[in-house]
Amino acid sequence: MRESRCPKRTFQTGKAVEPNLVQFKKGVLELCVLALLARTDSYGYDIASRLSDAIDMGEGTIYPLMRRMQKDGLVSTYFVESPSGPPRKYYALTETGQRNLEAQKTAWVSFTQAVSAILGAPDAPDAKPAADSKKTPETTGHSPLTVQKTLRNIQP
């Protein structure tokens, strides 16, 4: 008997699922920061705290992201005197950041709807089509899929 070269993965809670969750969070981190800054300017620790509360994302991940976002022109910074220490560096969304937020939101909604439809979520737009509805390229926005299969005569 031949052994499989791929190790068996167990999908117990907290094992194989955990790396996926970390990647999901990293993937939406910039979008979440942009969304928070669209509401109000904020300083790094406040952004980190709100993200920690909402999606359990650590503080150490935020500061490198904020530096990159500033370098990319998505956010600008300014300092505000703090009553309890040195001045705080506040981040504000730039026009470029606002445009980027809108583009990311559109992409996020489209992506999550597609994933939900694939997973069969009941609230997904394409999860359960009505019995009397016909899906056509015009109604779905997708071109029809044609599969061609070549049959070969295989000699024993």
N, C-alpha and C. Protein backbone atom coordinates (compact mmCIF):
# COMPACT_ATOMS: atom_id res chain seq x y z
N MET A 1 0.84 -1.17 0.00
CA MET A 1 0.00 0.00 0.00
C MET A 1 0.89 1.25 0.00
N ARG A 2 0.54 2.21 -0.82
CA ARG A 2 1.32 3.42 -0.95
C ARG A 2 0.86 4.46 0.07
N GLU A 3 1.82 5.09 0.75
CA GLU A 3 1.47 6.11 1.72
C GLU A 3 1.29 7.45 1.04
N SER A 4 0.36 8.22 1.54
CA SER A 4 0.14 9.55 1.00
C SER A 4 1.26 10.47 1.47
N ARG A 5 1.72 11.33 0.58
CA ARG A 5 2.77 12.27 0.95
C ARG A 5 2.20 13.49 1.66
N CYS A 6 0.90 13.69 1.57
CA CYS A 6 0.27 14.83 2.22
C CYS A 6 -0.13 14.44 3.63
N PRO A 7 0.28 15.22 4.63
CA PRO A 7 -0.11 14.89 5.99
C PRO A 7 -1.61 15.11 6.17
N LYS A 8 -2.21 14.29 7.01
CA LYS A 8 -3.63 14.43 7.28
C LYS A 8 -3.85 15.66 8.13
N ARG A 9 -4.84 16.47 7.75
CA ARG A 9 -5.16 17.67 8.52
C ARG A 9 -6.40 17.39 9.33
N THR A 10 -6.34 17.72 10.58
CA THR A 10 -7.52 17.61 11.41
C THR A 10 -8.14 18.98 11.52
N PHE A 11 -9.43 19.04 11.51
CA PHE A 11 -10.12 20.32 11.56
C PHE A 11 -10.83 20.47 12.89
N GLN A 12 -10.06 20.34 13.95
CA GLN A 12 -10.61 20.58 15.27
C GLN A 12 -10.56 22.07 15.52
N THR A 13 -11.50 22.54 16.30
CA THR A 13 -11.53 23.96 16.61
C THR A 13 -10.20 24.38 17.21
N GLY A 14 -9.67 25.48 16.70
CA GLY A 14 -8.43 26.02 17.22
C GLY A 14 -7.19 25.43 16.58
N LYS A 15 -7.31 24.43 15.74
CA LYS A 15 -6.12 23.83 15.11
C LYS A 15 -5.99 24.36 13.69
N ALA A 16 -6.52 23.67 12.71
CA ALA A 16 -6.36 24.06 11.31
C ALA A 16 -7.15 25.31 10.97
N VAL A 17 -8.20 25.61 11.70
CA VAL A 17 -9.02 26.77 11.41
C VAL A 17 -8.30 28.06 11.82
N GLU A 18 -7.52 28.02 12.88
CA GLU A 18 -6.86 29.22 13.40
C GLU A 18 -6.00 29.95 12.36
N PRO A 19 -5.12 29.27 11.61
CA PRO A 19 -4.34 30.00 10.60
C PRO A 19 -5.23 30.68 9.55
N ASN A 20 -6.35 30.04 9.20
CA ASN A 20 -7.25 30.65 8.23
C ASN A 20 -7.84 31.94 8.80
N LEU A 21 -8.26 31.91 10.04
CA LEU A 21 -8.84 33.09 10.67
C LEU A 21 -7.83 34.23 10.73
N VAL A 22 -6.60 33.93 11.04
CA VAL A 22 -5.55 34.95 11.07
C VAL A 22 -5.40 35.58 9.69
N GLN A 23 -5.40 34.77 8.64
CA GLN A 23 -5.27 35.29 7.28
C GLN A 23 -6.48 36.13 6.89
N PHE A 24 -7.68 35.70 7.30
CA PHE A 24 -8.88 36.49 7.01
C PHE A 24 -8.75 37.88 7.63
N LYS A 25 -8.31 37.92 8.88
CA LYS A 25 -8.17 39.19 9.60
C LYS A 25 -7.14 40.08 8.93
N LYS A 26 -6.00 39.52 8.57
CA LYS A 26 -4.96 40.31 7.91
C LYS A 26 -5.45 40.86 6.59
N GLY A 27 -6.27 40.08 5.91
CA GLY A 27 -6.78 40.49 4.61
C GLY A 27 -7.73 41.67 4.66
N VAL A 28 -8.43 41.85 5.78
CA VAL A 28 -9.40 42.94 5.88
C VAL A 28 -8.93 44.07 6.78
N LEU A 29 -7.73 43.97 7.28
CA LEU A 29 -7.24 44.96 8.23
C LEU A 29 -7.21 46.37 7.66
N GLU A 30 -6.65 46.54 6.47
CA GLU A 30 -6.60 47.88 5.87
C GLU A 30 -8.00 48.42 5.64
N LEU A 31 -8.89 47.60 5.16
CA LEU A 31 -10.27 48.02 4.94
C LEU A 31 -10.90 48.49 6.25
N CYS A 32 -10.68 47.75 7.33
CA CYS A 32 -11.25 48.12 8.62
C CYS A 32 -10.66 49.45 9.12
N VAL A 33 -9.37 49.64 8.98
CA VAL A 33 -8.73 50.89 9.41
C VAL A 33 -9.29 52.06 8.60
N LEU A 34 -9.39 51.89 7.30
CA LEU A 34 -9.94 52.96 6.47
C LEU A 34 -11.37 53.29 6.89
N ALA A 35 -12.16 52.27 7.17
CA ALA A 35 -13.55 52.48 7.59
C ALA A 35 -13.61 53.23 8.92
N LEU A 36 -12.75 52.87 9.86
CA LEU A 36 -12.73 53.58 11.14
C LEU A 36 -12.34 55.05 10.95
N LEU A 37 -11.33 55.29 10.11
CA LEU A 37 -10.88 56.66 9.89
C LEU A 37 -11.87 57.48 9.07
N ALA A 38 -12.74 56.83 8.32
CA ALA A 38 -13.78 57.55 7.58
C ALA A 38 -14.79 58.15 8.55
N ARG A 39 -14.92 57.54 9.72
CA ARG A 39 -15.85 58.05 10.74
C ARG A 39 -15.25 59.23 11.48
N THR A 40 -13.98 59.10 11.88
CA THR A 40 -13.32 60.15 12.64
C THR A 40 -11.81 59.93 12.64
N ASP A 41 -11.06 61.02 12.70
CA ASP A 41 -9.61 60.92 12.85
C ASP A 41 -9.31 60.22 14.17
N SER A 42 -8.20 59.53 14.21
CA SER A 42 -7.89 58.79 15.42
C SER A 42 -6.39 58.57 15.56
N TYR A 43 -5.95 58.22 16.76
CA TYR A 43 -4.53 57.93 16.99
C TYR A 43 -4.34 56.41 17.04
N GLY A 44 -3.11 55.99 16.87
CA GLY A 44 -2.79 54.57 16.71
C GLY A 44 -3.35 53.65 17.78
N TYR A 45 -3.16 54.01 19.05
CA TYR A 45 -3.62 53.13 20.13
C TYR A 45 -5.14 52.98 20.11
N ASP A 46 -5.86 54.07 19.79
CA ASP A 46 -7.32 54.00 19.72
C ASP A 46 -7.76 53.08 18.57
N ILE A 47 -7.11 53.21 17.43
CA ILE A 47 -7.43 52.34 16.28
C ILE A 47 -7.18 50.88 16.67
N ALA A 48 -6.02 50.62 17.28
CA ALA A 48 -5.66 49.26 17.69
C ALA A 48 -6.68 48.71 18.69
N SER A 49 -7.10 49.54 19.64
CA SER A 49 -8.07 49.09 20.65
C SER A 49 -9.41 48.75 20.02
N ARG A 50 -9.86 49.59 19.11
CA ARG A 50 -11.16 49.32 18.46
C ARG A 50 -11.09 48.06 17.60
N LEU A 51 -9.98 47.87 16.91
CA LEU A 51 -9.83 46.65 16.11
C LEU A 51 -9.70 45.42 17.00
N SER A 52 -9.03 45.57 18.12
CA SER A 52 -8.89 44.47 19.06
C SER A 52 -10.26 44.05 19.59
N ASP A 53 -11.08 45.04 19.94
CA ASP A 53 -12.42 44.75 20.45
C ASP A 53 -13.31 44.11 19.38
N ALA A 54 -13.21 44.61 18.16
CA ALA A 54 -14.10 44.15 17.09
C ALA A 54 -13.67 42.81 16.48
N ILE A 55 -12.39 42.68 16.14
CA ILE A 55 -11.96 41.47 15.43
C ILE A 55 -10.76 40.80 16.09
N ASP A 56 -10.45 41.18 17.31
CA ASP A 56 -9.37 40.56 18.07
C ASP A 56 -8.03 40.62 17.32
N MET A 57 -7.72 41.81 16.81
CA MET A 57 -6.46 42.00 16.09
C MET A 57 -5.49 42.72 17.00
N GLY A 58 -4.28 42.23 17.09
CA GLY A 58 -3.28 42.77 18.00
C GLY A 58 -2.74 44.12 17.60
N GLU A 59 -2.26 44.85 18.61
CA GLU A 59 -1.73 46.21 18.43
C GLU A 59 -0.49 46.23 17.55
N GLY A 60 0.35 45.22 17.65
CA GLY A 60 1.60 45.19 16.90
C GLY A 60 1.42 45.16 15.40
N THR A 61 0.26 44.77 14.94
CA THR A 61 -0.01 44.69 13.51
C THR A 61 -0.38 46.05 12.94
N ILE A 62 -0.90 46.94 13.77
CA ILE A 62 -1.45 48.20 13.30
C ILE A 62 -0.38 49.20 12.86
N TYR A 63 0.66 49.37 13.67
CA TYR A 63 1.63 50.44 13.39
C TYR A 63 2.38 50.26 12.07
N PRO A 64 2.85 49.08 11.72
CA PRO A 64 3.46 48.94 10.38
C PRO A 64 2.47 49.25 9.26
N LEU A 65 1.21 48.84 9.46
CA LEU A 65 0.18 49.12 8.46
C LEU A 65 -0.04 50.63 8.33
N MET A 66 -0.10 51.33 9.46
CA MET A 66 -0.33 52.77 9.43
C MET A 66 0.82 53.49 8.72
N ARG A 67 2.06 53.05 8.95
CA ARG A 67 3.21 53.66 8.26
C ARG A 67 3.10 53.44 6.75
N ARG A 68 2.72 52.22 6.34
CA ARG A 68 2.58 51.94 4.91
C ARG A 68 1.44 52.75 4.31
N MET A 69 0.32 52.86 5.03
CA MET A 69 -0.81 53.63 4.52
C MET A 69 -0.46 55.11 4.37
N GLN A 70 0.36 55.62 5.29
CA GLN A 70 0.80 57.01 5.19
C GLN A 70 1.72 57.17 3.98
N LYS A 71 2.64 56.23 3.81
CA LYS A 71 3.57 56.28 2.67
C LYS A 71 2.81 56.21 1.34
N ASP A 72 1.72 55.43 1.32
CA ASP A 72 0.91 55.27 0.11
C ASP A 72 -0.06 56.43 -0.12
N GLY A 73 -0.11 57.38 0.82
CA GLY A 73 -0.98 58.54 0.65
C GLY A 73 -2.43 58.29 1.02
N LEU A 74 -2.72 57.20 1.71
CA LEU A 74 -4.10 56.90 2.10
C LEU A 74 -4.51 57.66 3.36
N VAL A 75 -3.51 57.96 4.21
CA VAL A 75 -3.77 58.71 5.43
C VAL A 75 -2.72 59.80 5.57
N SER A 76 -3.10 60.85 6.28
CA SER A 76 -2.15 61.90 6.65
C SER A 76 -2.09 61.91 8.17
N THR A 77 -1.10 62.58 8.72
CA THR A 77 -0.95 62.62 10.17
C THR A 77 -0.81 64.05 10.67
N TYR A 78 -1.17 64.21 11.92
CA TYR A 78 -0.95 65.47 12.63
C TYR A 78 -0.86 65.16 14.12
N PHE A 79 -0.29 66.07 14.88
CA PHE A 79 -0.11 65.84 16.31
C PHE A 79 -1.08 66.68 17.12
N VAL A 80 -1.56 66.09 18.23
CA VAL A 80 -2.44 66.77 19.16
C VAL A 80 -1.87 66.60 20.56
N GLU A 81 -1.79 67.71 21.30
CA GLU A 81 -1.29 67.64 22.67
C GLU A 81 -2.17 66.71 23.49
N SER A 82 -1.53 65.92 24.33
CA SER A 82 -2.24 64.98 25.19
C SER A 82 -2.14 65.45 26.64
N PRO A 83 -3.24 65.38 27.38
CA PRO A 83 -3.18 65.79 28.79
C PRO A 83 -2.38 64.81 29.65
N SER A 84 -2.13 63.62 29.14
CA SER A 84 -1.46 62.59 29.95
C SER A 84 -0.16 62.10 29.31
N GLY A 85 0.62 62.98 28.73
CA GLY A 85 1.88 62.55 28.14
C GLY A 85 2.25 63.33 26.91
N PRO A 86 3.09 62.72 26.07
CA PRO A 86 3.53 63.41 24.85
C PRO A 86 2.38 63.58 23.86
N PRO A 87 2.57 64.46 22.87
CA PRO A 87 1.52 64.64 21.86
C PRO A 87 1.21 63.32 21.15
N ARG A 88 -0.05 63.18 20.77
CA ARG A 88 -0.49 61.97 20.06
C ARG A 88 -0.50 62.23 18.56
N LYS A 89 -0.04 61.21 17.82
CA LYS A 89 -0.06 61.27 16.36
C LYS A 89 -1.44 60.79 15.91
N TYR A 90 -2.19 61.68 15.28
CA TYR A 90 -3.51 61.34 14.77
C TYR A 90 -3.41 61.03 13.29
N TYR A 91 -4.26 60.12 12.85
CA TYR A 91 -4.34 59.74 11.44
C TYR A 91 -5.67 60.23 10.89
N ALA A 92 -5.62 60.77 9.68
CA ALA A 92 -6.81 61.25 8.99
C ALA A 92 -6.84 60.64 7.59
N LEU A 93 -8.02 60.32 7.13
CA LEU A 93 -8.19 59.76 5.80
C LEU A 93 -7.98 60.86 4.76
N THR A 94 -7.20 60.59 3.74
CA THR A 94 -7.01 61.53 2.64
C THR A 94 -8.07 61.28 1.57
N GLU A 95 -8.12 62.12 0.56
CA GLU A 95 -9.05 61.87 -0.56
C GLU A 95 -8.71 60.54 -1.24
N THR A 96 -7.42 60.29 -1.40
CA THR A 96 -6.99 59.01 -1.98
C THR A 96 -7.45 57.86 -1.10
N GLY A 97 -7.34 58.02 0.22
CA GLY A 97 -7.79 57.00 1.15
C GLY A 97 -9.30 56.77 1.06
N GLN A 98 -10.05 57.86 0.89
CA GLN A 98 -11.52 57.74 0.76
C GLN A 98 -11.88 56.98 -0.52
N ARG A 99 -11.21 57.29 -1.62
CA ARG A 99 -11.47 56.57 -2.87
C ARG A 99 -11.09 55.09 -2.73
N ASN A 100 -9.95 54.84 -2.07
CA ASN A 100 -9.50 53.48 -1.84
C ASN A 100 -10.51 52.72 -0.97
N LEU A 101 -11.04 53.37 0.06
CA LEU A 101 -12.05 52.76 0.93
C LEU A 101 -13.28 52.35 0.12
N GLU A 102 -13.77 53.25 -0.72
CA GLU A 102 -14.96 52.94 -1.53
C GLU A 102 -14.70 51.76 -2.46
N ALA A 103 -13.52 51.73 -3.08
CA ALA A 103 -13.18 50.62 -3.98
C ALA A 103 -13.08 49.31 -3.20
N GLN A 104 -12.44 49.36 -2.03
CA GLN A 104 -12.31 48.14 -1.22
C GLN A 104 -13.66 47.66 -0.70
N LYS A 105 -14.54 48.60 -0.32
CA LYS A 105 -15.87 48.21 0.16
C LYS A 105 -16.65 47.50 -0.95
N THR A 106 -16.59 48.06 -2.14
CA THR A 106 -17.28 47.44 -3.28
C THR A 106 -16.74 46.04 -3.54
N ALA A 107 -15.42 45.92 -3.55
CA ALA A 107 -14.79 44.61 -3.77
C ALA A 107 -15.15 43.64 -2.65
N TRP A 108 -15.16 44.12 -1.40
CA TRP A 108 -15.48 43.27 -0.25
C TRP A 108 -16.91 42.74 -0.34
N VAL A 109 -17.86 43.60 -0.65
CA VAL A 109 -19.25 43.17 -0.74
C VAL A 109 -19.42 42.13 -1.84
N SER A 110 -18.82 42.39 -2.99
CA SER A 110 -18.90 41.44 -4.10
C SER A 110 -18.26 40.10 -3.73
N PHE A 111 -17.10 40.17 -3.12
CA PHE A 111 -16.38 38.96 -2.73
C PHE A 111 -17.15 38.15 -1.68
N THR A 112 -17.63 38.81 -0.64
CA THR A 112 -18.34 38.08 0.42
C THR A 112 -19.65 37.50 -0.08
N GLN A 113 -20.32 38.19 -0.99
CA GLN A 113 -21.54 37.63 -1.57
C GLN A 113 -21.23 36.38 -2.39
N ALA A 114 -20.14 36.43 -3.15
CA ALA A 114 -19.76 35.27 -3.96
C ALA A 114 -19.39 34.08 -3.07
N VAL A 115 -18.63 34.34 -2.01
CA VAL A 115 -18.25 33.26 -1.10
C VAL A 115 -19.48 32.71 -0.39
N SER A 116 -20.37 33.58 0.05
CA SER A 116 -21.60 33.13 0.71
C SER A 116 -22.44 32.27 -0.22
N ALA A 117 -22.50 32.66 -1.48
CA ALA A 117 -23.26 31.87 -2.45
C ALA A 117 -22.64 30.49 -2.63
N ILE A 118 -21.31 30.45 -2.68
CA ILE A 118 -20.64 29.16 -2.82
C ILE A 118 -20.87 28.29 -1.59
N LEU A 119 -20.83 28.92 -0.42
CA LEU A 119 -21.03 28.17 0.82
C LEU A 119 -22.49 27.81 1.05
N GLY A 120 -23.39 28.42 0.29
CA GLY A 120 -24.80 28.10 0.41
C GLY A 120 -25.49 28.84 1.54
N ALA A 121 -24.96 30.00 1.89
CA ALA A 121 -25.58 30.79 2.95
C ALA A 121 -26.98 31.21 2.50
N PRO A 122 -27.97 31.11 3.40
CA PRO A 122 -29.35 31.41 3.02
C PRO A 122 -29.58 32.86 2.61
N ASP A 123 -28.75 33.80 3.09
CA ASP A 123 -28.98 35.19 2.75
C ASP A 123 -28.17 35.65 1.54
N ALA A 124 -27.44 34.73 0.93
CA ALA A 124 -26.65 35.09 -0.25
C ALA A 124 -27.58 35.25 -1.45
N PRO A 125 -27.33 36.24 -2.32
CA PRO A 125 -28.21 36.50 -3.45
C PRO A 125 -28.42 35.31 -4.37
N ASP A 126 -27.37 34.52 -4.64
CA ASP A 126 -27.50 33.41 -5.56
C ASP A 126 -27.57 32.05 -4.87
N ALA A 127 -27.74 32.04 -3.55
CA ALA A 127 -27.68 30.79 -2.81
C ALA A 127 -28.83 29.86 -3.19
N LYS A 128 -30.05 30.38 -3.23
CA LYS A 128 -31.21 29.56 -3.57
C LYS A 128 -32.08 30.34 -4.55
N PRO A 129 -31.95 30.07 -5.83
CA PRO A 129 -32.77 30.81 -6.78
C PRO A 129 -34.23 30.40 -6.67
N ALA A 130 -35.10 31.32 -6.96
CA ALA A 130 -36.53 31.02 -6.94
C ALA A 130 -36.83 29.95 -7.98
N ALA A 131 -37.82 29.12 -7.69
CA ALA A 131 -38.15 27.99 -8.56
C ALA A 131 -38.56 28.45 -9.95
N ASP A 132 -39.22 29.60 -10.04
CA ASP A 132 -39.70 30.05 -11.34
C ASP A 132 -38.73 30.97 -12.07
N SER A 133 -37.58 31.24 -11.45
CA SER A 133 -36.63 32.14 -12.12
C SER A 133 -35.69 31.35 -13.02
N LYS A 134 -35.36 31.94 -14.13
CA LYS A 134 -34.41 31.34 -15.07
C LYS A 134 -33.14 32.14 -15.00
N LYS A 135 -32.03 31.47 -14.80
CA LYS A 135 -30.74 32.16 -14.80
C LYS A 135 -30.22 32.19 -16.21
N THR A 136 -29.95 33.38 -16.68
CA THR A 136 -29.39 33.56 -18.01
C THR A 136 -28.16 34.45 -17.87
N PRO A 137 -27.32 34.51 -18.88
CA PRO A 137 -26.18 35.41 -18.81
C PRO A 137 -26.60 36.86 -18.55
N GLU A 138 -27.78 37.24 -19.05
CA GLU A 138 -28.25 38.61 -18.87
C GLU A 138 -28.63 38.87 -17.41
N THR A 139 -29.19 37.87 -16.71
CA THR A 139 -29.63 38.08 -15.33
C THR A 139 -28.52 37.82 -14.32
N THR A 140 -27.55 36.99 -14.64
CA THR A 140 -26.51 36.68 -13.67
C THR A 140 -25.24 37.48 -13.89
N GLY A 141 -25.06 38.00 -15.09
CA GLY A 141 -23.82 38.71 -15.39
C GLY A 141 -22.68 37.76 -15.71
N HIS A 142 -22.97 36.47 -15.81
CA HIS A 142 -21.95 35.48 -16.11
C HIS A 142 -22.21 34.89 -17.48
N SER A 143 -21.15 34.53 -18.17
CA SER A 143 -21.33 33.87 -19.46
C SER A 143 -21.59 32.39 -19.21
N PRO A 144 -22.30 31.75 -20.11
CA PRO A 144 -22.56 30.32 -19.91
C PRO A 144 -21.27 29.53 -19.96
N LEU A 145 -21.23 28.48 -19.19
CA LEU A 145 -20.04 27.64 -19.13
C LEU A 145 -20.24 26.45 -20.05
N THR A 146 -19.31 26.25 -20.93
CA THR A 146 -19.36 25.11 -21.83
C THR A 146 -18.16 24.24 -21.53
N VAL A 147 -18.44 22.97 -21.32
CA VAL A 147 -17.36 22.03 -21.04
C VAL A 147 -17.28 21.07 -22.21
N GLN A 148 -16.09 20.93 -22.75
CA GLN A 148 -15.88 19.98 -23.83
C GLN A 148 -15.00 18.87 -23.29
N LYS A 149 -15.39 17.67 -23.56
CA LYS A 149 -14.62 16.54 -23.08
C LYS A 149 -14.23 15.68 -24.27
N THR A 150 -12.97 15.36 -24.36
CA THR A 150 -12.47 14.51 -25.43
C THR A 150 -12.44 13.08 -24.92
N LEU A 151 -13.11 12.22 -25.62
CA LEU A 151 -13.11 10.80 -25.26
C LEU A 151 -12.05 10.08 -26.05
N ARG A 152 -11.32 9.24 -25.38
CA ARG A 152 -10.28 8.46 -26.05
C ARG A 152 -10.55 7.00 -25.86
N ASN A 153 -10.23 6.27 -26.87
CA ASN A 153 -10.31 4.81 -26.72
C ASN A 153 -9.04 4.35 -26.04
N ILE A 154 -9.21 3.73 -24.92
CA ILE A 154 -8.06 3.24 -24.18
C ILE A 154 -7.99 1.73 -24.37
N GLN A 155 -6.89 1.28 -24.88
CA GLN A 155 -6.71 -0.15 -25.12
C GLN A 155 -6.23 -0.81 -23.83
N PRO A 156 -6.84 -1.95 -23.44
CA PRO A 156 -6.41 -2.62 -22.24
C PRO A 156 -5.06 -3.27 -22.38
